[in-house]
Amino acid sequence: MIGDLIAAAIGRNIDQRDGKGGTLGALAGVATWKVAKRVVPAVIVLGGVALGARYLARKFRNEPASA
């Protein structure tokens, strides 16, 4: 809730720089905040999975074959 208020204030301030109202900027700020709260953790998890897969592929590729 506090994050929504901060995002709205930032968006409103950005939108008021052109001399017009800031309502659209406030809405855009809140929408961006809500999307970012869900997307950023997902990207972190997917990046970790990709790095783990890459690490394991290199580890198994460099081991000698057992007889």
C-alpha atoms as a PDB file:
ATOM      1  CA  MET A   1       0.000   0.000   0.000  1.00  0.00           C
ATOM      2  CA  ILE A   2       2.788   2.399   0.855  1.00  0.00           C
ATOM      3  CA  GLY A   3       4.588   1.363  -2.329  1.00  0.00           C
ATOM      4  CA  ASP A   4       1.466   2.237  -4.332  1.00  0.00           C
ATOM      5  CA  LEU A   5       1.384   5.706  -2.760  1.00  0.00           C
ATOM      6  CA  ILE A   6       5.068   6.298  -3.469  1.00  0.00           C
ATOM      7  CA  ALA A   7       4.686   5.084  -7.057  1.00  0.00           C
ATOM      8  CA  ALA A   8       1.664   7.347  -7.542  1.00  0.00           C
ATOM      9  CA  ALA A   9       3.548  10.357  -6.178  1.00  0.00           C
ATOM     10  CA  ILE A  10       6.552   9.701  -8.413  1.00  0.00           C
ATOM     11  CA  GLY A  11       4.347   9.203 -11.474  1.00  0.00           C
ATOM     12  CA  ARG A  12       2.350  12.342 -10.694  1.00  0.00           C
ATOM     13  CA  ASN A  13       5.522  14.413 -10.339  1.00  0.00           C
ATOM     14  CA  ILE A  14       6.892  13.113 -13.627  1.00  0.00           C
ATOM     15  CA  ASP A  15       3.608  13.808 -15.417  1.00  0.00           C
ATOM     16  CA  GLN A  16       3.347  17.365 -14.027  1.00  0.00           C
ATOM     17  CA  ARG A  17       6.635  18.374 -15.650  1.00  0.00           C
ATOM     18  CA  ASP A  18       4.833  19.075 -18.929  1.00  0.00           C
ATOM     19  CA  GLY A  19       2.534  21.604 -17.223  1.00  0.00           C
ATOM     20  CA  LYS A  20      -0.607  19.495 -17.370  1.00  0.00           C
ATOM     21  CA  GLY A  21      -2.312  17.355 -14.735  1.00  0.00           C
ATOM     22  CA  GLY A  22      -0.638  14.448 -13.040  1.00  0.00           C
ATOM     23  CA  THR A  23      -3.479  11.928 -12.764  1.00  0.00           C
ATOM     24  CA  LEU A  24      -2.411   9.840 -15.737  1.00  0.00           C
ATOM     25  CA  GLY A  25       1.151   9.747 -14.439  1.00  0.00           C
ATOM     26  CA  ALA A  26      -0.051   8.622 -11.022  1.00  0.00           C
ATOM     27  CA  LEU A  27      -2.017   5.784 -12.594  1.00  0.00           C
ATOM     28  CA  ALA A  28       0.938   4.813 -14.768  1.00  0.00           C
ATOM     29  CA  GLY A  29       3.235   4.848 -11.733  1.00  0.00           C
ATOM     30  CA  VAL A  30       0.955   2.545  -9.752  1.00  0.00           C
ATOM     31  CA  ALA A  31       0.500   0.190 -12.715  1.00  0.00           C
ATOM     32  CA  THR A  32       4.261   0.029 -13.262  1.00  0.00           C
ATOM     33  CA  TRP A  33       4.834  -0.695  -9.569  1.00  0.00           C
ATOM     34  CA  LYS A  34       2.275  -3.519  -9.525  1.00  0.00           C
ATOM     35  CA  VAL A  35       3.771  -5.145 -12.628  1.00  0.00           C
ATOM     36  CA  ALA A  36       7.333  -4.757 -11.343  1.00  0.00           C
ATOM     37  CA  LYS A  37       6.446  -6.433  -8.022  1.00  0.00           C
ATOM     38  CA  ARG A  38       5.527  -9.600  -9.904  1.00  0.00           C
ATOM     39  CA  VAL A  39       7.982  -9.552 -12.804  1.00  0.00           C
ATOM     40  CA  VAL A  40      11.263  -8.760 -11.023  1.00  0.00           C
ATOM     41  CA  PRO A  41      11.173 -11.774  -8.647  1.00  0.00           C
ATOM     42  CA  ALA A  42      10.206 -14.042 -11.543  1.00  0.00           C
ATOM     43  CA  VAL A  43      13.151 -12.764 -13.596  1.00  0.00           C
ATOM     44  CA  ILE A  44      15.507 -13.366 -10.670  1.00  0.00           C
ATOM     45  CA  VAL A  45      14.280 -16.957 -10.281  1.00  0.00           C
ATOM     46  CA  LEU A  46      14.456 -17.665 -14.019  1.00  0.00           C
ATOM     47  CA  GLY A  47      17.944 -16.172 -14.192  1.00  0.00           C
ATOM     48  CA  GLY A  48      19.059 -18.410 -11.325  1.00  0.00           C
ATOM     49  CA  VAL A  49      17.638 -21.460 -13.074  1.00  0.00           C
ATOM     50  CA  ALA A  50      19.409 -20.527 -16.298  1.00  0.00           C
ATOM     51  CA  LEU A  51      22.734 -20.037 -14.503  1.00  0.00           C
ATOM     52  CA  GLY A  52      22.295 -23.317 -12.639  1.00  0.00           C
ATOM     53  CA  ALA A  53      21.560 -25.200 -15.859  1.00  0.00           C
ATOM     54  CA  ARG A  54      24.582 -23.641 -17.506  1.00  0.00           C
ATOM     55  CA  TYR A  55      26.791 -24.573 -14.556  1.00  0.00           C
ATOM     56  CA  LEU A  56      25.578 -28.161 -14.519  1.00  0.00           C
ATOM     57  CA  ALA A  57      26.005 -28.512 -18.290  1.00  0.00           C
ATOM     58  CA  ARG A  58      29.607 -27.353 -18.042  1.00  0.00           C
ATOM     59  CA  LYS A  59      30.286 -29.564 -15.023  1.00  0.00           C
ATOM     60  CA  PHE A  60      28.973 -32.729 -16.685  1.00  0.00           C
ATOM     61  CA  ARG A  61      30.620 -31.951 -20.023  1.00  0.00           C
ATOM     62  CA  ASN A  62      34.122 -31.607 -18.499  1.00  0.00           C
ATOM     63  CA  GLU A  63      34.074 -34.824 -16.445  1.00  0.00           C
ATOM     64  CA  PRO A  64      35.847 -37.798 -17.992  1.00  0.00           C
ATOM     65  CA  ALA A  65      33.717 -40.738 -19.066  1.00  0.00           C
ATOM     66  CA  SER A  66      33.689 -43.620 -16.602  1.00  0.00           C
ATOM     67  CA  ALA A  67      34.675 -47.057 -17.899  1.00  0.00           C
END
